[in-house]
Amino acid sequence: PPQSYSPPQAYVRPQDGIRSQGEMGALYVTSTIYGVGTG
């Protein structure tokens, strides 16, 4: 029997809803500085 396929999901560009790797890189750096400052 034919397989049932789910309707294609709309493609969401990272800049429309999801953070970029560059944003996480900045957060890693600032959180490191924050952790050192907390210590």
PDB file of all heavy atoms in Angstrom:
ATOM      1  N   PRO A   1       0.844  -1.210   0.000  1.00  0.00           N
ATOM      2  CA  PRO A   1       0.000   0.000   0.000  1.00  0.00           C
ATOM      3  C   PRO A   1       0.870   1.248   0.000  1.00  0.00           C
ATOM      4  O   PRO A   1       1.978   1.259   0.517  1.00  0.00           O
ATOM      5  CB  PRO A   1      -0.789  -0.126   1.314  1.00  0.00           C
ATOM      6  CG  PRO A   1       0.057  -1.013   2.174  1.00  0.00           C
ATOM      7  CD  PRO A   1       0.720  -1.975   1.227  1.00  0.00           C
ATOM      8  N   PRO A   2       0.374   2.294  -0.617  1.00  0.00           N
ATOM      9  CA  PRO A   2       1.187   3.528  -0.669  1.00  0.00           C
ATOM     10  C   PRO A   2       1.470   4.066   0.724  1.00  0.00           C
ATOM     11  O   PRO A   2       0.630   4.023   1.614  1.00  0.00           O
ATOM     12  CB  PRO A   2       0.298   4.492  -1.476  1.00  0.00           C
ATOM     13  CG  PRO A   2      -1.081   3.963  -1.307  1.00  0.00           C
ATOM     14  CD  PRO A   2      -0.936   2.462  -1.233  1.00  0.00           C
ATOM     15  N   GLN A   3       2.704   4.552   0.889  1.00  0.00           N
ATOM     16  CA  GLN A   3       3.096   5.100   2.185  1.00  0.00           C
ATOM     17  C   GLN A   3       2.431   6.453   2.403  1.00  0.00           C
ATOM     18  O   GLN A   3       2.174   7.196   1.464  1.00  0.00           O
ATOM     19  CB  GLN A   3       4.610   5.256   2.269  1.00  0.00           C
ATOM     20  CG  GLN A   3       5.366   3.944   2.115  1.00  0.00           C
ATOM     21  CD  GLN A   3       6.858   4.162   2.206  1.00  0.00           C
ATOM     22  OE1 GLN A   3       7.295   5.279   2.391  1.00  0.00           O
ATOM     23  NE2 GLN A   3       7.612   3.101   2.078  1.00  0.00           N
ATOM     24  N   SER A   4       2.154   6.695   3.642  1.00  0.00           N
ATOM     25  CA  SER A   4       1.536   7.977   3.992  1.00  0.00           C
ATOM     26  C   SER A   4       2.631   8.984   4.325  1.00  0.00           C
ATOM     27  O   SER A   4       3.453   8.748   5.204  1.00  0.00           O
ATOM     28  CB  SER A   4       0.603   7.808   5.196  1.00  0.00           C
ATOM     29  OG  SER A   4       1.320   7.331   6.295  1.00  0.00           O
ATOM     30  N   TYR A   5       2.679  10.058   3.616  1.00  0.00           N
ATOM     31  CA  TYR A   5       3.681  11.096   3.807  1.00  0.00           C
ATOM     32  C   TYR A   5       3.032  12.278   4.519  1.00  0.00           C
ATOM     33  O   TYR A   5       1.904  12.674   4.209  1.00  0.00           O
ATOM     34  CB  TYR A   5       4.257  11.570   2.475  1.00  0.00           C
ATOM     35  CG  TYR A   5       5.054  10.494   1.761  1.00  0.00           C
ATOM     36  CD1 TYR A   5       4.467   9.737   0.759  1.00  0.00           C
ATOM     37  CD2 TYR A   5       6.369  10.249   2.105  1.00  0.00           C
ATOM     38  CE1 TYR A   5       5.184   8.746   0.111  1.00  0.00           C
ATOM     39  CE2 TYR A   5       7.102   9.256   1.459  1.00  0.00           C
ATOM     40  CZ  TYR A   5       6.498   8.514   0.457  1.00  0.00           C
ATOM     41  OH  TYR A   5       7.204   7.543  -0.170  1.00  0.00           O
ATOM     42  N   SER A   6       3.768  12.823   5.463  1.00  0.00           N
ATOM     43  CA  SER A   6       3.276  14.012   6.144  1.00  0.00           C
ATOM     44  C   SER A   6       3.508  15.221   5.252  1.00  0.00           C
ATOM     45  O   SER A   6       4.437  15.246   4.447  1.00  0.00           O
ATOM     46  CB  SER A   6       4.025  14.205   7.474  1.00  0.00           C
ATOM     47  OG  SER A   6       5.410  14.325   7.238  1.00  0.00           O
ATOM     48  N   PRO A   7       2.672  16.214   5.344  1.00  0.00           N
ATOM     49  CA  PRO A   7       2.850  17.391   4.488  1.00  0.00           C
ATOM     50  C   PRO A   7       4.170  18.068   4.783  1.00  0.00           C
ATOM     51  O   PRO A   7       4.644  18.071   5.911  1.00  0.00           O
ATOM     52  CB  PRO A   7       1.659  18.286   4.873  1.00  0.00           C
ATOM     53  CG  PRO A   7       1.260  17.814   6.226  1.00  0.00           C
ATOM     54  CD  PRO A   7       1.557  16.337   6.246  1.00  0.00           C
ATOM     55  N   PRO A   8       4.822  18.619   3.772  1.00  0.00           N
ATOM     56  CA  PRO A   8       6.121  19.268   3.999  1.00  0.00           C
ATOM     57  C   PRO A   8       5.996  20.426   4.960  1.00  0.00           C
ATOM     58  O   PRO A   8       5.053  21.205   4.916  1.00  0.00           O
ATOM     59  CB  PRO A   8       6.529  19.743   2.587  1.00  0.00           C
ATOM     60  CG  PRO A   8       5.242  19.822   1.827  1.00  0.00           C
ATOM     61  CD  PRO A   8       4.358  18.752   2.388  1.00  0.00           C
ATOM     62  N   GLN A   9       6.974  20.503   5.853  1.00  0.00           N
ATOM     63  CA  GLN A   9       6.984  21.571   6.836  1.00  0.00           C
ATOM     64  C   GLN A   9       7.575  22.835   6.219  1.00  0.00           C
ATOM     65  O   GLN A   9       8.472  22.777   5.390  1.00  0.00           O
ATOM     66  CB  GLN A   9       7.804  21.169   8.068  1.00  0.00           C
ATOM     67  CG  GLN A   9       7.275  19.929   8.764  1.00  0.00           C
ATOM     68  CD  GLN A   9       5.927  20.165   9.400  1.00  0.00           C
ATOM     69  OE1 GLN A   9       5.647  21.268   9.849  1.00  0.00           O
ATOM     70  NE2 GLN A   9       5.090  19.136   9.423  1.00  0.00           N
ATOM     71  N   ALA A  10       7.059  23.940   6.632  1.00  0.00           N
ATOM     72  CA  ALA A  10       7.576  25.207   6.127  1.00  0.00           C
ATOM     73  C   ALA A  10       8.996  25.419   6.625  1.00  0.00           C
ATOM     74  O   ALA A  10       9.287  25.223   7.799  1.00  0.00           O
ATOM     75  CB  ALA A  10       6.685  26.369   6.577  1.00  0.00           C
ATOM     76  N   TYR A  11       9.883  25.791   5.741  1.00  0.00           N
ATOM     77  CA  TYR A  11      11.279  26.017   6.097  1.00  0.00           C
ATOM     78  C   TYR A  11      11.404  27.337   6.832  1.00  0.00           C
ATOM     79  O   TYR A  11      10.942  28.375   6.357  1.00  0.00           O
ATOM     80  CB  TYR A  11      12.140  26.037   4.845  1.00  0.00           C
ATOM     81  CG  TYR A  11      13.577  26.414   5.112  1.00  0.00           C
ATOM     82  CD1 TYR A  11      14.412  25.559   5.817  1.00  0.00           C
ATOM     83  CD2 TYR A  11      14.085  27.634   4.670  1.00  0.00           C
ATOM     84  CE1 TYR A  11      15.727  25.894   6.070  1.00  0.00           C
ATOM     85  CE2 TYR A  11      15.395  27.973   4.914  1.00  0.00           C
ATOM     86  CZ  TYR A  11      16.204  27.098   5.611  1.00  0.00           C
ATOM     87  OH  TYR A  11      17.495  27.443   5.861  1.00  0.00           O
ATOM     88  N   VAL A  12      11.988  27.294   7.988  1.00  0.00           N
ATOM     89  CA  VAL A  12      12.172  28.489   8.809  1.00  0.00           C
ATOM     90  C   VAL A  12      13.649  28.853   8.786  1.00  0.00           C
ATOM     91  O   VAL A  12      14.495  28.072   9.203  1.00  0.00           O
ATOM     92  CB  VAL A  12      11.705  28.248  10.261  1.00  0.00           C
ATOM     93  CG1 VAL A  12      11.919  29.506  11.087  1.00  0.00           C
ATOM     94  CG2 VAL A  12      10.239  27.831  10.282  1.00  0.00           C
ATOM     95  N   ARG A  13      13.957  30.005   8.281  1.00  0.00           N
ATOM     96  CA  ARG A  13      15.348  30.443   8.230  1.00  0.00           C
ATOM     97  C   ARG A  13      15.850  30.729   9.640  1.00  0.00           C
ATOM     98  O   ARG A  13      15.084  31.198  10.491  1.00  0.00           O
ATOM     99  CB  ARG A  13      15.467  31.710   7.388  1.00  0.00           C
ATOM    100  CG  ARG A  13      15.116  31.498   5.923  1.00  0.00           C
ATOM    101  CD  ARG A  13      15.276  32.790   5.163  1.00  0.00           C
ATOM    102  NE  ARG A  13      14.390  33.814   5.699  1.00  0.00           N
ATOM    103  CZ  ARG A  13      14.458  35.089   5.326  1.00  0.00           C
ATOM    104  NH1 ARG A  13      15.365  35.499   4.490  1.00  0.00           N
ATOM    105  NH2 ARG A  13      13.610  35.969   5.843  1.00  0.00           N
ATOM    106  N   PRO A  14      17.123  30.442   9.895  1.00  0.00           N
ATOM    107  CA  PRO A  14      17.641  30.677  11.247  1.00  0.00           C
ATOM    108  C   PRO A  14      17.421  32.104  11.718  1.00  0.00           C
ATOM    109  O   PRO A  14      17.125  32.340  12.873  1.00  0.00           O
ATOM    110  CB  PRO A  14      19.132  30.337  11.101  1.00  0.00           C
ATOM    111  CG  PRO A  14      19.186  29.370   9.972  1.00  0.00           C
ATOM    112  CD  PRO A  14      18.096  29.801   9.031  1.00  0.00           C
ATOM    113  N   GLN A  15      17.549  33.060  10.796  1.00  0.00           N
ATOM    114  CA  GLN A  15      17.410  34.431  11.226  1.00  0.00           C
ATOM    115  C   GLN A  15      15.961  34.794  11.529  1.00  0.00           C
ATOM    116  O   GLN A  15      15.694  35.832  12.087  1.00  0.00           O
ATOM    117  CB  GLN A  15      17.967  35.401  10.175  1.00  0.00           C
ATOM    118  CG  GLN A  15      17.269  35.318   8.818  1.00  0.00           C
ATOM    119  CD  GLN A  15      17.922  34.326   7.909  1.00  0.00           C
ATOM    120  OE1 GLN A  15      18.645  33.451   8.356  1.00  0.00           O
ATOM    121  NE2 GLN A  15      17.686  34.445   6.617  1.00  0.00           N
ATOM    122  N   ASP A  16      15.002  33.934  11.167  1.00  0.00           N
ATOM    123  CA  ASP A  16      13.609  34.222  11.426  1.00  0.00           C
ATOM    124  C   ASP A  16      13.142  33.688  12.774  1.00  0.00           C
ATOM    125  O   ASP A  16      12.127  34.108  13.276  1.00  0.00           O
ATOM    126  CB  ASP A  16      12.722  33.630  10.326  1.00  0.00           C
ATOM    127  CG  ASP A  16      12.841  34.398   9.026  1.00  0.00           C
ATOM    128  OD1 ASP A  16      13.267  35.554   9.076  1.00  0.00           O
ATOM    129  OD2 ASP A  16      12.524  33.841   7.973  1.00  0.00           O
ATOM    130  N   GLY A  17      13.822  32.715  13.354  1.00  0.00           N
ATOM    131  CA  GLY A  17      13.311  32.173  14.591  1.00  0.00           C
ATOM    132  C   GLY A  17      14.339  31.508  15.479  1.00  0.00           C
ATOM    133  O   GLY A  17      14.084  31.318  16.663  1.00  0.00           O
ATOM    134  N   ILE A  18      15.488  31.122  14.948  1.00  0.00           N
ATOM    135  CA  ILE A  18      16.467  30.354  15.701  1.00  0.00           C
ATOM    136  C   ILE A  18      17.784  31.117  15.742  1.00  0.00           C
ATOM    137  O   ILE A  18      18.180  31.733  14.763  1.00  0.00           O
ATOM    138  CB  ILE A  18      16.676  28.973  15.068  1.00  0.00           C
ATOM    139  CG1 ILE A  18      15.341  28.224  15.012  1.00  0.00           C
ATOM    140  CG2 ILE A  18      17.690  28.164  15.848  1.00  0.00           C
ATOM    141  CD1 ILE A  18      15.414  26.905  14.308  1.00  0.00           C
ATOM    142  N   ARG A  19      18.452  31.039  16.894  1.00  0.00           N
ATOM    143  CA  ARG A  19      19.721  31.752  17.052  1.00  0.00           C
ATOM    144  C   ARG A  19      20.773  31.186  16.112  1.00  0.00           C
ATOM    145  O   ARG A  19      20.724  30.028  15.699  1.00  0.00           O
ATOM    146  CB  ARG A  19      20.184  31.678  18.511  1.00  0.00           C
ATOM    147  CG  ARG A  19      21.043  30.474  18.881  1.00  0.00           C
ATOM    148  CD  ARG A  19      20.316  29.157  18.878  1.00  0.00           C
ATOM    149  NE  ARG A  19      21.117  28.035  19.243  1.00  0.00           N
ATOM    150  CZ  ARG A  19      21.929  27.375  18.414  1.00  0.00           C
ATOM    151  NH1 ARG A  19      22.100  27.770  17.199  1.00  0.00           N
ATOM    152  NH2 ARG A  19      22.592  26.323  18.860  1.00  0.00           N
ATOM    153  N   SER A  20      21.726  32.006  15.778  1.00  0.00           N
ATOM    154  CA  SER A  20      22.821  31.580  14.929  1.00  0.00           C
ATOM    155  C   SER A  20      23.977  31.078  15.792  1.00  0.00           C
ATOM    156  O   SER A  20      24.018  31.289  17.000  1.00  0.00           O
ATOM    157  CB  SER A  20      23.293  32.744  14.048  1.00  0.00           C
ATOM    158  OG  SER A  20      23.844  33.781  14.857  1.00  0.00           O
ATOM    159  N   GLN A  21      24.927  30.400  15.150  1.00  0.00           N
ATOM    160  CA  GLN A  21      26.110  29.938  15.874  1.00  0.00           C
ATOM    161  C   GLN A  21      26.933  31.115  16.380  1.00  0.00           C
ATOM    162  O   GLN A  21      27.570  31.029  17.424  1.00  0.00           O
ATOM    163  CB  GLN A  21      26.958  29.054  14.957  1.00  0.00           C
ATOM    164  CG  GLN A  21      26.326  27.720  14.620  1.00  0.00           C
ATOM    165  CD  GLN A  21      26.295  26.778  15.810  1.00  0.00           C
ATOM    166  OE1 GLN A  21      26.862  27.061  16.861  1.00  0.00           O
ATOM    167  NE2 GLN A  21      25.620  25.660  15.664  1.00  0.00           N
ATOM    168  N   GLY A  22      26.911  32.223  15.634  1.00  0.00           N
ATOM    169  CA  GLY A  22      27.652  33.395  16.090  1.00  0.00           C
ATOM    170  C   GLY A  22      27.114  33.947  17.392  1.00  0.00           C
ATOM    171  O   GLY A  22      27.878  34.399  18.251  1.00  0.00           O
ATOM    172  N   GLU A  23      25.786  33.913  17.542  1.00  0.00           N
ATOM    173  CA  GLU A  23      25.192  34.366  18.801  1.00  0.00           C
ATOM    174  C   GLU A  23      25.629  33.487  19.972  1.00  0.00           C
ATOM    175  O   GLU A  23      25.929  33.987  21.063  1.00  0.00           O
ATOM    176  CB  GLU A  23      23.670  34.350  18.692  1.00  0.00           C
ATOM    177  CG  GLU A  23      23.075  35.481  17.884  1.00  0.00           C
ATOM    178  CD  GLU A  23      21.579  35.572  18.088  1.00  0.00           C
ATOM    179  OE1 GLU A  23      21.152  36.104  19.124  1.00  0.00           O
ATOM    180  OE2 GLU A  23      20.834  35.091  17.214  1.00  0.00           O
ATOM    181  N   MET A  24      25.648  32.170  19.748  1.00  0.00           N
ATOM    182  CA  MET A  24      26.056  31.277  20.830  1.00  0.00           C
ATOM    183  C   MET A  24      27.527  31.464  21.152  1.00  0.00           C
ATOM    184  O   MET A  24      27.939  31.374  22.315  1.00  0.00           O
ATOM    185  CB  MET A  24      25.780  29.823  20.447  1.00  0.00           C
ATOM    186  CG  MET A  24      24.313  29.453  20.434  1.00  0.00           C
ATOM    187  SD  MET A  24      23.465  29.807  21.997  1.00  0.00           S
ATOM    188  CE  MET A  24      24.369  28.748  23.131  1.00  0.00           C
ATOM    189  N   GLY A  25      28.345  31.724  20.145  1.00  0.00           N
ATOM    190  CA  GLY A  25      29.759  31.988  20.404  1.00  0.00           C
ATOM    191  C   GLY A  25      29.943  33.198  21.296  1.00  0.00           C
ATOM    192  O   GLY A  25      30.758  33.185  22.230  1.00  0.00           O
ATOM    193  N   ALA A  26      29.174  34.270  21.034  1.00  0.00           N
ATOM    194  CA  ALA A  26      29.250  35.459  21.892  1.00  0.00           C
ATOM    195  C   ALA A  26      28.779  35.145  23.307  1.00  0.00           C
ATOM    196  O   ALA A  26      29.352  35.632  24.290  1.00  0.00           O
ATOM    197  CB  ALA A  26      28.406  36.581  21.290  1.00  0.00           C
ATOM    198  N   LEU A  27      27.736  34.311  23.432  1.00  0.00           N
ATOM    199  CA  LEU A  27      27.241  33.958  24.757  1.00  0.00           C
ATOM    200  C   LEU A  27      28.262  33.116  25.514  1.00  0.00           C
ATOM    201  O   LEU A  27      28.417  33.276  26.734  1.00  0.00           O
ATOM    202  CB  LEU A  27      25.917  33.205  24.640  1.00  0.00           C
ATOM    203  CG  LEU A  27      25.258  32.792  25.960  1.00  0.00           C
ATOM    204  CD1 LEU A  27      24.998  34.012  26.841  1.00  0.00           C
ATOM    205  CD2 LEU A  27      23.967  32.027  25.709  1.00  0.00           C
ATOM    206  N   TYR A  28      28.975  32.225  24.831  1.00  0.00           N
ATOM    207  CA  TYR A  28      29.997  31.429  25.509  1.00  0.00           C
ATOM    208  C   TYR A  28      31.099  32.325  26.068  1.00  0.00           C
ATOM    209  O   TYR A  28      31.576  32.125  27.187  1.00  0.00           O
ATOM    210  CB  TYR A  28      30.601  30.411  24.534  1.00  0.00           C
ATOM    211  CG  TYR A  28      29.650  29.328  24.104  1.00  0.00           C
ATOM    212  CD1 TYR A  28      29.708  28.790  22.820  1.00  0.00           C
ATOM    213  CD2 TYR A  28      28.673  28.832  24.964  1.00  0.00           C
ATOM    214  CE1 TYR A  28      28.832  27.792  22.407  1.00  0.00           C
ATOM    215  CE2 TYR A  28      27.800  27.837  24.569  1.00  0.00           C
ATOM    216  CZ  TYR A  28      27.882  27.329  23.286  1.00  0.00           C
ATOM    217  OH  TYR A  28      27.011  26.348  22.886  1.00  0.00           O
ATOM    218  N   VAL A  29      31.492  33.331  25.293  1.00  0.00           N
ATOM    219  CA  VAL A  29      32.567  34.224  25.740  1.00  0.00           C
ATOM    220  C   VAL A  29      32.109  35.061  26.933  1.00  0.00           C
ATOM    221  O   VAL A  29      32.792  35.143  27.973  1.00  0.00           O
ATOM    222  CB  VAL A  29      33.029  35.124  24.580  1.00  0.00           C
ATOM    223  CG1 VAL A  29      34.026  36.175  25.074  1.00  0.00           C
ATOM    224  CG2 VAL A  29      33.660  34.288  23.475  1.00  0.00           C
ATOM    225  N   THR A  30      30.937  35.698  26.819  1.00  0.00           N
ATOM    226  CA  THR A  30      30.469  36.558  27.902  1.00  0.00           C
ATOM    227  C   THR A  30      30.117  35.751  29.155  1.00  0.00           C
ATOM    228  O   THR A  30      30.335  36.225  30.277  1.00  0.00           O
ATOM    229  CB  THR A  30      29.245  37.363  27.455  1.00  0.00           C
ATOM    230  OG1 THR A  30      28.249  36.471  26.925  1.00  0.00           O
ATOM    231  CG2 THR A  30      29.623  38.368  26.386  1.00  0.00           C
ATOM    232  N   SER A  31      29.582  34.550  28.971  1.00  0.00           N
ATOM    233  CA  SER A  31      29.281  33.730  30.153  1.00  0.00           C
ATOM    234  C   SER A  31      30.560  33.278  30.844  1.00  0.00           C
ATOM    235  O   SER A  31      30.585  33.160  32.081  1.00  0.00           O
ATOM    236  CB  SER A  31      28.437  32.517  29.752  1.00  0.00           C
ATOM    237  OG  SER A  31      29.122  31.691  28.821  1.00  0.00           O
ATOM    238  N   THR A  32      31.628  33.059  30.090  1.00  0.00           N
ATOM    239  CA  THR A  32      32.912  32.731  30.714  1.00  0.00           C
ATOM    240  C   THR A  32      33.413  33.897  31.565  1.00  0.00           C
ATOM    241  O   THR A  32      33.863  33.712  32.704  1.00  0.00           O
ATOM    242  CB  THR A  32      33.948  32.370  29.649  1.00  0.00           C
ATOM    243  OG1 THR A  32      33.481  31.246  28.887  1.00  0.00           O
ATOM    244  CG2 THR A  32      35.287  32.035  30.275  1.00  0.00           C
ATOM    245  N   ILE A  33      33.326  35.111  31.004  1.00  0.00           N
ATOM    246  CA  ILE A  33      33.746  36.295  31.759  1.00  0.00           C
ATOM    247  C   ILE A  33      32.868  36.466  32.992  1.00  0.00           C
ATOM    248  O   ILE A  33      33.349  36.791  34.091  1.00  0.00           O
ATOM    249  CB  ILE A  33      33.676  37.543  30.858  1.00  0.00           C
ATOM    250  CG1 ILE A  33      34.647  37.387  29.673  1.00  0.00           C
ATOM    251  CG2 ILE A  33      33.997  38.805  31.649  1.00  0.00           C
ATOM    252  CD1 ILE A  33      34.532  38.506  28.648  1.00  0.00           C
ATOM    253  N   TYR A  34      31.573  36.228  32.826  1.00  0.00           N
ATOM    254  CA  TYR A  34      30.651  36.337  33.966  1.00  0.00           C
ATOM    255  C   TYR A  34      30.986  35.303  35.036  1.00  0.00           C
ATOM    256  O   TYR A  34      30.948  35.612  36.232  1.00  0.00           O
ATOM    257  CB  TYR A  34      29.218  36.150  33.472  1.00  0.00           C
ATOM    258  CG  TYR A  34      28.186  36.112  34.579  1.00  0.00           C
ATOM    259  CD1 TYR A  34      27.770  37.287  35.207  1.00  0.00           C
ATOM    260  CD2 TYR A  34      27.633  34.903  34.998  1.00  0.00           C
ATOM    261  CE1 TYR A  34      26.821  37.256  36.227  1.00  0.00           C
ATOM    262  CE2 TYR A  34      26.684  34.866  36.017  1.00  0.00           C
ATOM    263  CZ  TYR A  34      26.282  36.035  36.628  1.00  0.00           C
ATOM    264  OH  TYR A  34      25.356  35.993  37.633  1.00  0.00           O
ATOM    265  N   GLY A  35      31.314  34.082  34.637  1.00  0.00           N
ATOM    266  CA  GLY A  35      31.680  33.055  35.607  1.00  0.00           C
ATOM    267  C   GLY A  35      32.944  33.404  36.365  1.00  0.00           C
ATOM    268  O   GLY A  35      33.017  33.228  37.595  1.00  0.00           O
ATOM    269  N   VAL A  36      33.945  33.905  35.649  1.00  0.00           N
ATOM    270  CA  VAL A  36      35.184  34.318  36.321  1.00  0.00           C
ATOM    271  C   VAL A  36      34.906  35.466  37.289  1.00  0.00           C
ATOM    272  O   VAL A  36      35.396  35.490  38.427  1.00  0.00           O
ATOM    273  CB  VAL A  36      36.241  34.709  35.274  1.00  0.00           C
ATOM    274  CG1 VAL A  36      37.477  35.318  35.958  1.00  0.00           C
ATOM    275  CG2 VAL A  36      36.646  33.500  34.438  1.00  0.00           C
ATOM    276  N   GLY A  37      34.093  36.435  36.837  1.00  0.00           N
ATOM    277  CA  GLY A  37      33.748  37.551  37.714  1.00  0.00           C
ATOM    278  C   GLY A  37      32.972  37.107  38.938  1.00  0.00           C
ATOM    279  O   GLY A  37      33.164  37.654  40.039  1.00  0.00           O
ATOM    280  N   THR A  38      32.105  36.113  38.762  1.00  0.00           N
ATOM    281  CA  THR A  38      31.369  35.591  39.910  1.00  0.00           C
ATOM    282  C   THR A  38      32.318  34.948  40.912  1.00  0.00           C
ATOM    283  O   THR A  38      32.162  35.104  42.139  1.00  0.00           O
ATOM    284  CB  THR A  38      30.324  34.563  39.445  1.00  0.00           C
ATOM    285  OG1 THR A  38      29.426  35.187  38.515  1.00  0.00           O
ATOM    286  CG2 THR A  38      29.535  34.011  40.616  1.00  0.00           C
ATOM    287  N   GLY A  39      33.332  34.228  40.414  1.00  0.00           N
ATOM    288  CA  GLY A  39      34.318  33.645  41.310  1.00  0.00           C
ATOM    289  C   GLY A  39      35.105  34.696  42.069  1.00  0.00           C
ATOM    290  O   GLY A  39      35.375  34.543  43.275  1.00  0.00           O
TER     291      GLY A  39
END
